Amino acid sequence: MYDDTGNVSVPTATPTQRGNTGNFPSGGAVLYDRPLTEWNTGEFEAGWFAVANDEFRIGAWDADGREWGRTHAAWTNENGFADISASVSVRAVSTTSSGAYIAIRQDPFAGEYNFCMLSNGRTWATFDSADSNAEWSQVVLLADQVRQGSNPPDQWNRLTIIARGDQLWFLVNDVVQGTLRHGGRSSGAVAIQVTNWAADDAEWAFRDLIIQE
């Protein structure tokens, strides 16, 4: 997650992964599948939203010397999603050092679970949270690395997070990348976002956001 200046917090720890990485719950009733092209567009402090070729584009302005980059995010109006499967397809439009995320149980002032496709083809997952003093911290759930099942970042990759209680599954193109237990947030919105660590602007394309029970 990020503060009002767009600075991402420093990773602090990596929990032990547990569970059967080959199995995950199947999706239930569809809770959201509206076209992302309906979402708001325009330029904002951290970046821009646009629609092109039936894709929803999120851009983040250059990092402007920020050690932890600049993040631009959009999220659902519904903020009570708890035990869900949330997935979205992402594609890198620019080649700058950046990443595209799906986030669940998200609150822009409290925290979220993130799963990211990086512009170098690696994936990673984090839990970000703010304390009572609005100080952000980050726990790395899956270290960034190239994983089986991923396409090159300039091709479409489908990112999925499944949450059931404190059990989390992270998938790329329906291939499980990891599963673990983490007792952080229990509900929130679903968000899509871009973080840019480069001196140039970054842009990613998103499509087919689906949320299921």
Protein backbone atom coordinates (compact mmCIF):
# COMPACT_ATOMS: atom_id res chain seq x y z
CA MET A 1 0.00 0.00 0.00
CA TYR A 2 1.08 3.64 -0.07
CA ASP A 3 0.66 6.90 1.78
CA ASP A 4 -0.58 10.23 0.44
CA THR A 5 2.81 10.89 -1.17
CA GLY A 6 2.78 7.55 -2.99
CA ASN A 7 5.57 5.99 -0.94
CA VAL A 8 5.42 2.23 -0.46
CA SER A 9 6.45 0.89 2.93
CA VAL A 10 9.55 -1.22 3.55
CA PRO A 11 9.06 -5.02 3.67
CA THR A 12 9.41 -6.34 7.21
CA ALA A 13 8.98 -10.14 7.27
CA THR A 14 8.02 -13.20 5.27
CA PRO A 15 5.65 -15.74 6.91
CA THR A 16 6.02 -19.47 6.44
CA GLN A 17 3.89 -20.86 3.61
CA ARG A 18 1.62 -23.72 4.57
CA GLY A 19 -1.10 -25.82 3.02
CA ASN A 20 -1.58 -27.78 -0.20
CA THR A 21 -0.48 -25.56 -3.06
CA GLY A 22 -2.11 -27.85 -5.61
CA ASN A 23 -5.69 -27.41 -4.41
CA PHE A 24 -7.86 -24.34 -4.03
CA PRO A 25 -11.57 -23.62 -3.59
CA SER A 26 -13.64 -23.35 -6.76
CA GLY A 27 -15.50 -20.12 -7.39
CA GLY A 28 -19.14 -19.74 -6.39
CA ALA A 29 -21.75 -17.14 -7.27
CA VAL A 30 -20.51 -14.16 -9.26
CA LEU A 31 -20.57 -11.00 -7.14
CA TYR A 32 -19.07 -8.58 -9.68
CA ASP A 33 -18.31 -8.78 -13.41
CA ARG A 34 -19.08 -5.31 -14.78
CA PRO A 35 -16.77 -4.02 -17.58
CA LEU A 36 -13.81 -2.03 -16.29
CA THR A 37 -14.38 0.34 -19.20
CA GLU A 38 -17.26 1.75 -17.13
CA TRP A 39 -14.85 2.96 -14.43
CA ASN A 40 -13.90 6.63 -14.12
CA THR A 41 -11.17 8.07 -16.35
CA GLY A 42 -9.00 11.16 -16.10
CA GLU A 43 -5.75 12.49 -14.66
CA PHE A 44 -5.03 12.57 -10.94
CA GLU A 45 -2.18 13.38 -8.55
CA ALA A 46 -0.55 9.95 -8.78
CA GLY A 47 -1.42 9.02 -12.39
CA TRP A 48 -4.29 8.51 -14.78
CA PHE A 49 -7.15 6.20 -15.77
CA ALA A 50 -8.06 5.74 -19.44
CA VAL A 51 -9.93 3.40 -21.77
CA ALA A 52 -8.26 2.14 -24.97
CA ASN A 53 -9.03 -0.89 -27.16
CA ASP A 54 -11.73 -2.02 -24.69
CA GLU A 55 -9.08 -2.10 -21.94
CA PHE A 56 -8.95 -0.10 -18.73
CA ARG A 57 -5.54 1.56 -18.49
CA ILE A 58 -3.91 2.66 -15.25
CA GLY A 59 -0.88 4.88 -15.48
CA ALA A 60 1.42 6.08 -12.70
CA TRP A 61 3.54 9.18 -13.09
CA ASP A 62 7.31 8.82 -12.78
CA ALA A 63 8.61 7.90 -9.33
CA ASP A 64 10.13 11.39 -8.93
CA GLY A 65 12.91 10.10 -6.70
CA ARG A 66 10.60 8.25 -4.29
CA GLU A 67 12.57 5.32 -2.94
CA TRP A 68 9.48 3.11 -2.84
CA GLY A 69 7.84 4.36 -6.02
CA ARG A 70 4.48 5.93 -6.84
CA THR A 71 1.17 4.02 -6.81
CA HIS A 72 -2.13 4.78 -8.52
CA ALA A 73 -5.17 2.65 -7.63
CA ALA A 74 -8.89 2.22 -8.28
CA TRP A 75 -11.28 0.10 -6.23
CA THR A 76 -14.85 -1.14 -6.08
CA ASN A 77 -17.63 0.81 -4.38
CA GLU A 78 -18.50 -2.33 -2.41
CA ASN A 79 -16.14 -2.64 0.57
CA GLY A 80 -17.56 -5.67 2.34
CA PHE A 81 -16.00 -8.48 0.28
CA ALA A 82 -14.66 -11.19 2.64
CA ASP A 83 -14.33 -14.83 1.50
CA ILE A 84 -13.97 -14.40 -2.26
CA SER A 85 -12.09 -15.21 -5.42
CA ALA A 86 -10.99 -12.03 -7.23
CA SER A 87 -9.22 -12.10 -10.57
CA VAL A 88 -8.17 -9.66 -13.29
CA SER A 89 -6.10 -9.87 -16.47
CA VAL A 90 -3.12 -7.51 -16.75
CA ARG A 91 -0.69 -6.55 -19.52
CA ALA A 92 2.28 -4.18 -19.45
CA VAL A 93 1.87 -1.30 -21.91
CA SER A 94 5.18 0.38 -21.01
CA THR A 95 8.49 -1.30 -20.19
CA THR A 96 9.43 0.83 -17.18
CA SER A 97 10.20 -0.71 -13.79
CA SER A 98 6.66 -1.14 -12.49
CA GLY A 99 4.00 -3.63 -11.43
CA ALA A 100 0.28 -4.28 -11.82
CA TYR A 101 -1.69 -5.52 -8.79
CA ILE A 102 -4.96 -6.98 -7.72
CA ALA A 103 -5.80 -6.33 -4.06
CA ILE A 104 -8.49 -7.77 -1.81
CA ARG A 105 -9.91 -6.88 1.62
CA GLN A 106 -8.71 -3.40 0.78
CA ASP A 107 -9.17 -0.20 2.71
CA PRO A 108 -7.15 2.77 1.40
CA PHE A 109 -6.48 3.92 4.96
CA ALA A 110 -6.03 0.56 6.69
CA GLY A 111 -4.50 -2.07 4.40
CA GLU A 112 -4.94 -4.87 1.87
CA TYR A 113 -3.64 -8.13 0.43
CA ASN A 114 -1.80 -7.61 -2.88
CA PHE A 115 -0.73 -9.88 -5.72
CA CYS A 116 1.49 -8.33 -8.39
CA MET A 117 2.88 -8.99 -11.86
CA LEU A 118 6.15 -7.07 -12.22
CA SER A 119 7.46 -5.64 -15.49
CA ASN A 120 10.46 -8.01 -15.26
CA GLY A 121 8.14 -11.05 -15.37
CA ARG A 122 8.31 -11.83 -11.65
CA THR A 123 5.34 -12.11 -9.30
CA TRP A 124 5.05 -11.27 -5.61
CA ALA A 125 2.43 -10.94 -2.90
CA THR A 126 2.27 -8.70 0.17
CA PHE A 127 0.09 -7.69 3.08
CA ASP A 128 0.17 -3.94 3.74
CA SER A 129 -1.30 -2.29 6.81
CA ALA A 130 -1.40 1.01 8.71
CA ASP A 131 -1.22 1.38 12.47
CA SER A 132 -3.15 3.86 14.62
CA ASN A 133 -0.60 6.55 13.75
CA ALA A 134 -1.10 5.99 10.00
CA GLU A 135 2.37 4.47 9.73
CA TRP A 136 2.43 1.84 6.96
CA SER A 137 4.25 -1.51 7.09
CA GLN A 138 4.48 -4.38 4.64
CA VAL A 139 4.77 -8.14 5.08
CA VAL A 140 6.06 -10.08 2.07
CA LEU A 141 3.85 -13.15 1.58
CA LEU A 142 5.47 -14.43 -1.62
CA ALA A 143 8.96 -13.19 -2.48
CA ASP A 144 9.33 -11.73 -5.97
CA GLN A 145 10.54 -14.37 -8.43
CA VAL A 146 9.74 -15.90 -11.81
CA ARG A 147 7.13 -18.62 -11.32
CA GLN A 148 5.72 -21.39 -13.46
CA GLY A 149 2.57 -20.47 -15.34
CA SER A 150 3.40 -16.80 -16.02
CA ASN A 151 3.48 -15.30 -19.49
CA PRO A 152 5.85 -12.45 -20.40
CA PRO A 153 4.52 -9.23 -18.82
CA ASP A 154 3.68 -7.64 -22.19
CA GLN A 155 1.22 -10.51 -22.74
CA TRP A 156 -1.99 -11.06 -20.77
CA ASN A 157 -1.62 -12.68 -17.37
CA ARG A 158 -4.56 -13.44 -15.12
CA LEU A 159 -3.91 -12.67 -11.46
CA THR A 160 -6.16 -14.32 -8.87
CA ILE A 161 -6.37 -14.13 -5.10
CA ILE A 162 -8.66 -16.54 -3.26
CA ALA A 163 -9.44 -15.91 0.41
CA ARG A 164 -11.31 -18.19 2.80
CA GLY A 165 -10.93 -17.18 6.42
CA ASP A 166 -7.21 -16.78 7.04
CA GLN A 167 -6.25 -19.08 4.13
CA LEU A 168 -5.02 -17.37 0.96
CA TRP A 169 -4.21 -18.72 -2.49
CA PHE A 170 -2.34 -16.81 -5.21
CA LEU A 171 -2.68 -17.91 -8.85
CA VAL A 172 -1.36 -16.81 -12.24
CA ASN A 173 -3.27 -18.12 -15.26
CA ASP A 174 -4.99 -20.64 -12.95
CA VAL A 175 -1.65 -22.02 -11.75
CA VAL A 176 -1.20 -21.86 -7.97
CA GLN A 177 1.86 -19.78 -7.09
CA GLY A 178 1.55 -20.24 -3.35
CA THR A 179 -0.84 -20.62 -0.44
CA LEU A 180 -0.49 -19.59 3.18
CA ARG A 181 -2.36 -18.54 6.31
CA HIS A 182 -2.33 -14.94 7.44
CA GLY A 183 -4.58 -13.31 10.01
CA GLY A 184 -4.63 -9.75 8.70
CA ARG A 185 -7.72 -8.09 7.29
CA SER A 186 -11.00 -10.02 7.00
CA SER A 187 -12.98 -7.88 4.52
CA GLY A 188 -12.80 -4.82 2.28
CA ALA A 189 -12.97 -3.65 -1.32
CA VAL A 190 -11.27 -5.17 -4.37
CA ALA A 191 -8.70 -2.89 -6.01
CA ILE A 192 -6.50 -2.77 -9.10
CA GLN A 193 -3.39 -0.63 -9.11
CA VAL A 194 -0.03 0.20 -10.65
CA THR A 195 3.20 1.02 -8.82
CA ASN A 196 5.98 2.76 -10.72
CA TRP A 197 9.61 2.78 -9.55
CA ALA A 198 11.07 4.32 -12.73
CA ALA A 199 12.02 7.81 -13.87
CA ASP A 200 9.49 7.47 -16.72
CA ASP A 201 5.71 7.10 -16.53
CA ALA A 202 4.33 3.54 -16.35
CA GLU A 203 1.13 2.14 -17.85
CA TRP A 204 -0.66 -1.21 -17.60
CA ALA A 205 -3.84 -2.54 -19.19
CA PHE A 206 -6.54 -4.34 -17.19
CA ARG A 207 -9.62 -6.30 -18.25
CA ASP A 208 -12.14 -8.86 -17.03
CA LEU A 209 -12.31 -8.14 -13.30
CA ILE A 210 -14.43 -10.93 -11.78
CA ILE A 211 -15.30 -11.39 -8.12
CA GLN A 212 -16.93 -14.62 -6.92
CA GLU A 213 -18.05 -16.08 -3.61
